[in-house]
Amino acid sequence: MTTTTIQVPEETRDHLAQLAEERGLGLGRLVAQIAARQPSAAQIAERVATTRQVLRDRMGCTLTDEECEQGPNVLAHVYALAAGKLHSEWTRGA
């Protein structure tokens, strides 16, 4: 594996070194683990798109991307849609 050098302030290096030691890791391995846990903007966008598609395919969610981006009440709308769908299926089967 090819390695490289990154420059950080001394305080940051010391803090990372302490964390690495506490976890029984080398500094490079610690930084690699931290980086692996932080998704890039492209990865986040891909997850959002996948989640929206699952909502549409499996839950019958009819919200558009624009509606999903309108704010924090989107999850409440998704729950309401899912509850309505479940209620409809339940009453149809009764």
N, C-alpha and C. Protein backbone atom coordinates (compact mmCIF):
# COMPACT_ATOMS: atom_id res chain seq x y z
N MET A 1 0.84 -1.17 0.00
CA MET A 1 0.00 0.00 0.00
C MET A 1 0.89 1.23 0.00
N THR A 2 0.54 2.17 -0.84
CA THR A 2 1.27 3.42 -0.91
C THR A 2 0.81 4.32 0.22
N THR A 3 1.75 5.02 0.83
CA THR A 3 1.40 5.95 1.90
C THR A 3 1.82 7.35 1.51
N THR A 4 1.32 8.31 2.26
CA THR A 4 1.65 9.70 2.01
C THR A 4 1.74 10.44 3.33
N THR A 5 2.14 11.65 3.28
CA THR A 5 2.26 12.48 4.48
C THR A 5 1.21 13.57 4.42
N ILE A 6 0.55 13.80 5.55
CA ILE A 6 -0.38 14.93 5.64
C ILE A 6 0.13 15.86 6.73
N GLN A 7 -0.10 17.13 6.53
CA GLN A 7 0.37 18.10 7.51
C GLN A 7 -0.81 18.60 8.33
N VAL A 8 -0.66 18.52 9.64
CA VAL A 8 -1.66 19.01 10.57
C VAL A 8 -0.94 19.78 11.67
N PRO A 9 -1.66 20.62 12.39
CA PRO A 9 -1.03 21.30 13.52
C PRO A 9 -0.53 20.28 14.55
N GLU A 10 0.49 20.65 15.28
CA GLU A 10 1.08 19.76 16.28
C GLU A 10 0.05 19.24 17.26
N GLU A 11 -0.84 20.13 17.69
CA GLU A 11 -1.86 19.73 18.67
C GLU A 11 -2.75 18.62 18.10
N THR A 12 -3.08 18.74 16.84
CA THR A 12 -3.91 17.73 16.18
C THR A 12 -3.16 16.41 16.10
N ARG A 13 -1.90 16.49 15.70
CA ARG A 13 -1.08 15.27 15.63
C ARG A 13 -0.99 14.60 16.99
N ASP A 14 -0.76 15.38 18.03
CA ASP A 14 -0.64 14.81 19.37
C ASP A 14 -1.95 14.17 19.82
N HIS A 15 -3.05 14.84 19.52
CA HIS A 15 -4.36 14.30 19.89
C HIS A 15 -4.61 12.98 19.15
N LEU A 16 -4.34 12.97 17.85
CA LEU A 16 -4.53 11.74 17.08
C LEU A 16 -3.61 10.62 17.58
N ALA A 17 -2.40 10.97 17.92
CA ALA A 17 -1.46 9.97 18.44
C ALA A 17 -1.98 9.37 19.74
N GLN A 18 -2.54 10.21 20.61
CA GLN A 18 -3.09 9.72 21.87
C GLN A 18 -4.28 8.79 21.61
N LEU A 19 -5.16 9.19 20.70
CA LEU A 19 -6.30 8.34 20.36
C LEU A 19 -5.84 7.00 19.79
N ALA A 20 -4.86 7.06 18.91
CA ALA A 20 -4.34 5.83 18.30
C ALA A 20 -3.76 4.91 19.36
N GLU A 21 -3.00 5.48 20.27
CA GLU A 21 -2.39 4.67 21.34
C GLU A 21 -3.47 4.03 22.21
N GLU A 22 -4.48 4.80 22.56
CA GLU A 22 -5.56 4.27 23.40
C GLU A 22 -6.30 3.12 22.72
N ARG A 23 -6.33 3.13 21.40
CA ARG A 23 -7.03 2.08 20.66
C ARG A 23 -6.09 0.96 20.19
N GLY A 24 -4.82 1.12 20.50
CA GLY A 24 -3.85 0.10 20.09
C GLY A 24 -3.61 0.09 18.59
N LEU A 25 -3.68 1.27 17.97
CA LEU A 25 -3.49 1.39 16.53
C LEU A 25 -2.32 2.29 16.21
N GLY A 26 -1.84 2.16 15.00
CA GLY A 26 -0.88 3.13 14.50
C GLY A 26 -1.65 4.37 14.07
N LEU A 27 -0.95 5.49 13.98
CA LEU A 27 -1.58 6.74 13.61
C LEU A 27 -2.22 6.67 12.23
N GLY A 28 -1.54 6.07 11.27
CA GLY A 28 -2.09 5.95 9.93
C GLY A 28 -3.37 5.13 9.90
N ARG A 29 -3.38 4.05 10.66
CA ARG A 29 -4.59 3.20 10.70
C ARG A 29 -5.76 3.95 11.34
N LEU A 30 -5.49 4.73 12.39
CA LEU A 30 -6.54 5.52 13.02
C LEU A 30 -7.12 6.52 12.04
N VAL A 31 -6.27 7.24 11.34
CA VAL A 31 -6.75 8.22 10.36
C VAL A 31 -7.56 7.52 9.27
N ALA A 32 -7.12 6.36 8.84
CA ALA A 32 -7.86 5.61 7.82
C ALA A 32 -9.25 5.22 8.34
N GLN A 33 -9.34 4.79 9.60
CA GLN A 33 -10.63 4.43 10.18
C GLN A 33 -11.55 5.64 10.27
N ILE A 34 -11.01 6.76 10.71
CA ILE A 34 -11.81 7.98 10.82
C ILE A 34 -12.32 8.39 9.44
N ALA A 35 -11.46 8.37 8.46
CA ALA A 35 -11.84 8.76 7.10
C ALA A 35 -12.90 7.82 6.53
N ALA A 36 -12.78 6.54 6.83
CA ALA A 36 -13.74 5.56 6.31
C ALA A 36 -15.14 5.78 6.86
N ARG A 37 -15.24 6.38 8.04
CA ARG A 37 -16.54 6.63 8.66
C ARG A 37 -17.20 7.92 8.19
N GLN A 38 -16.49 8.71 7.42
CA GLN A 38 -17.01 10.00 6.96
C GLN A 38 -17.35 9.94 5.49
N PRO A 39 -18.64 9.83 5.16
CA PRO A 39 -18.99 9.75 3.74
C PRO A 39 -18.76 11.07 3.02
N SER A 40 -18.41 10.97 1.77
CA SER A 40 -18.23 12.16 0.94
C SER A 40 -19.61 12.68 0.52
N ALA A 41 -19.65 13.88 -0.03
CA ALA A 41 -20.92 14.45 -0.51
C ALA A 41 -21.54 13.54 -1.56
N ALA A 42 -20.73 12.97 -2.43
CA ALA A 42 -21.24 12.08 -3.48
C ALA A 42 -21.83 10.81 -2.86
N GLN A 43 -21.18 10.27 -1.83
CA GLN A 43 -21.70 9.07 -1.17
C GLN A 43 -23.02 9.38 -0.46
N ILE A 44 -23.12 10.54 0.17
CA ILE A 44 -24.36 10.93 0.83
C ILE A 44 -25.48 11.07 -0.19
N ALA A 45 -25.18 11.73 -1.30
CA ALA A 45 -26.18 11.91 -2.36
C ALA A 45 -26.66 10.56 -2.88
N GLU A 46 -25.75 9.62 -3.03
CA GLU A 46 -26.11 8.28 -3.51
C GLU A 46 -27.01 7.58 -2.50
N ARG A 47 -26.70 7.70 -1.22
CA ARG A 47 -27.54 7.09 -0.17
C ARG A 47 -28.93 7.71 -0.16
N VAL A 48 -29.00 9.02 -0.30
CA VAL A 48 -30.29 9.71 -0.33
C VAL A 48 -31.12 9.22 -1.51
N ALA A 49 -30.50 9.15 -2.68
CA ALA A 49 -31.22 8.69 -3.88
C ALA A 49 -31.70 7.25 -3.71
N THR A 50 -30.86 6.40 -3.15
CA THR A 50 -31.23 5.01 -2.93
C THR A 50 -32.38 4.91 -1.93
N THR A 51 -32.31 5.68 -0.85
CA THR A 51 -33.37 5.67 0.15
C THR A 51 -34.68 6.13 -0.44
N ARG A 52 -34.64 7.20 -1.22
CA ARG A 52 -35.87 7.69 -1.86
C ARG A 52 -36.46 6.63 -2.78
N GLN A 53 -35.61 5.95 -3.52
CA GLN A 53 -36.10 4.92 -4.43
C GLN A 53 -36.74 3.77 -3.66
N VAL A 54 -36.15 3.39 -2.54
CA VAL A 54 -36.73 2.33 -1.71
C VAL A 54 -38.09 2.78 -1.18
N LEU A 55 -38.18 4.03 -0.73
CA LEU A 55 -39.46 4.54 -0.25
C LEU A 55 -40.52 4.48 -1.34
N ARG A 56 -40.12 4.80 -2.54
CA ARG A 56 -41.08 4.78 -3.65
C ARG A 56 -41.47 3.35 -4.03
N ASP A 57 -40.48 2.47 -4.11
CA ASP A 57 -40.72 1.10 -4.55
C ASP A 57 -41.45 0.25 -3.51
N ARG A 58 -41.04 0.38 -2.27
CA ARG A 58 -41.55 -0.54 -1.24
C ARG A 58 -42.67 0.03 -0.39
N MET A 59 -42.74 1.35 -0.31
CA MET A 59 -43.75 1.95 0.57
C MET A 59 -44.79 2.74 -0.21
N GLY A 60 -44.64 2.82 -1.50
CA GLY A 60 -45.60 3.56 -2.29
C GLY A 60 -45.55 5.06 -2.04
N CYS A 61 -44.41 5.53 -1.61
CA CYS A 61 -44.23 6.95 -1.32
C CYS A 61 -44.26 7.74 -2.63
N THR A 62 -45.12 8.75 -2.68
CA THR A 62 -45.27 9.52 -3.90
C THR A 62 -44.61 10.89 -3.82
N LEU A 63 -43.85 11.13 -2.77
CA LEU A 63 -43.18 12.42 -2.64
C LEU A 63 -42.12 12.59 -3.71
N THR A 64 -42.08 13.76 -4.31
CA THR A 64 -41.05 14.06 -5.30
C THR A 64 -39.76 14.41 -4.57
N ASP A 65 -38.66 14.47 -5.31
CA ASP A 65 -37.39 14.89 -4.71
C ASP A 65 -37.52 16.28 -4.11
N GLU A 66 -38.23 17.16 -4.80
CA GLU A 66 -38.40 18.54 -4.31
C GLU A 66 -39.16 18.54 -2.99
N GLU A 67 -40.20 17.72 -2.88
CA GLU A 67 -40.96 17.63 -1.63
C GLU A 67 -40.10 17.06 -0.51
N CYS A 68 -39.27 16.09 -0.84
CA CYS A 68 -38.39 15.50 0.16
C CYS A 68 -37.39 16.51 0.70
N GLU A 69 -37.00 17.46 -0.14
CA GLU A 69 -36.00 18.44 0.25
C GLU A 69 -36.59 19.63 0.99
N GLN A 70 -37.92 19.67 1.13
CA GLN A 70 -38.55 20.82 1.75
C GLN A 70 -38.31 20.94 3.24
N GLY A 71 -37.95 19.89 3.89
CA GLY A 71 -37.66 20.09 5.29
C GLY A 71 -37.83 18.89 6.17
N PRO A 72 -37.81 19.15 7.47
CA PRO A 72 -37.78 18.08 8.46
C PRO A 72 -39.08 17.30 8.59
N ASN A 73 -40.17 17.78 8.02
CA ASN A 73 -41.44 17.06 8.15
C ASN A 73 -41.58 15.92 7.14
N VAL A 74 -40.58 15.71 6.33
CA VAL A 74 -40.66 14.67 5.31
C VAL A 74 -40.86 13.30 5.95
N LEU A 75 -40.15 13.02 7.03
CA LEU A 75 -40.28 11.72 7.67
C LEU A 75 -41.71 11.54 8.19
N ALA A 76 -42.31 12.59 8.71
CA ALA A 76 -43.70 12.50 9.17
C ALA A 76 -44.62 12.16 8.00
N HIS A 77 -44.37 12.76 6.84
CA HIS A 77 -45.17 12.44 5.65
C HIS A 77 -44.99 10.99 5.23
N VAL A 78 -43.76 10.50 5.31
CA VAL A 78 -43.49 9.11 4.94
C VAL A 78 -44.23 8.18 5.89
N TYR A 79 -44.18 8.48 7.20
CA TYR A 79 -44.90 7.65 8.18
C TYR A 79 -46.40 7.69 7.91
N ALA A 80 -46.93 8.85 7.58
CA ALA A 80 -48.37 8.97 7.29
C ALA A 80 -48.73 8.16 6.06
N LEU A 81 -47.91 8.23 5.02
CA LEU A 81 -48.17 7.44 3.81
C LEU A 81 -48.14 5.94 4.12
N ALA A 82 -47.13 5.53 4.89
CA ALA A 82 -47.00 4.11 5.24
C ALA A 82 -48.18 3.66 6.08
N ALA A 83 -48.60 4.48 7.04
CA ALA A 83 -49.73 4.13 7.88
C ALA A 83 -51.01 4.04 7.05
N GLY A 84 -51.18 4.98 6.13
CA GLY A 84 -52.35 4.94 5.26
C GLY A 84 -52.38 3.70 4.39
N LYS A 85 -51.24 3.36 3.87
CA LYS A 85 -51.15 2.16 3.03
C LYS A 85 -51.46 0.91 3.84
N LEU A 86 -50.90 0.82 5.04
CA LEU A 86 -51.15 -0.32 5.91
C LEU A 86 -52.62 -0.40 6.28
N HIS A 87 -53.20 0.73 6.64
CA HIS A 87 -54.62 0.76 7.00
C HIS A 87 -55.48 0.32 5.83
N SER A 88 -55.16 0.79 4.65
CA SER A 88 -55.90 0.43 3.44
C SER A 88 -55.81 -1.06 3.18
N GLU A 89 -54.62 -1.63 3.31
CA GLU A 89 -54.45 -3.07 3.09
C GLU A 89 -55.16 -3.87 4.15
N TRP A 90 -55.14 -3.38 5.38
CA TRP A 90 -55.76 -4.09 6.49
C TRP A 90 -57.29 -4.11 6.33
N THR A 91 -57.87 -2.96 6.02
CA THR A 91 -59.33 -2.90 5.88
C THR A 91 -59.80 -3.64 4.64
N ARG A 92 -58.99 -3.68 3.61
CA ARG A 92 -59.34 -4.43 2.41
C ARG A 92 -59.37 -5.92 2.68
N GLY A 93 -58.45 -6.35 3.55
CA GLY A 93 -58.35 -7.79 3.85
C GLY A 93 -59.33 -8.24 4.92
N ALA A 94 -59.96 -7.29 5.62
CA ALA A 94 -60.87 -7.65 6.72
C ALA A 94 -62.22 -8.09 6.26
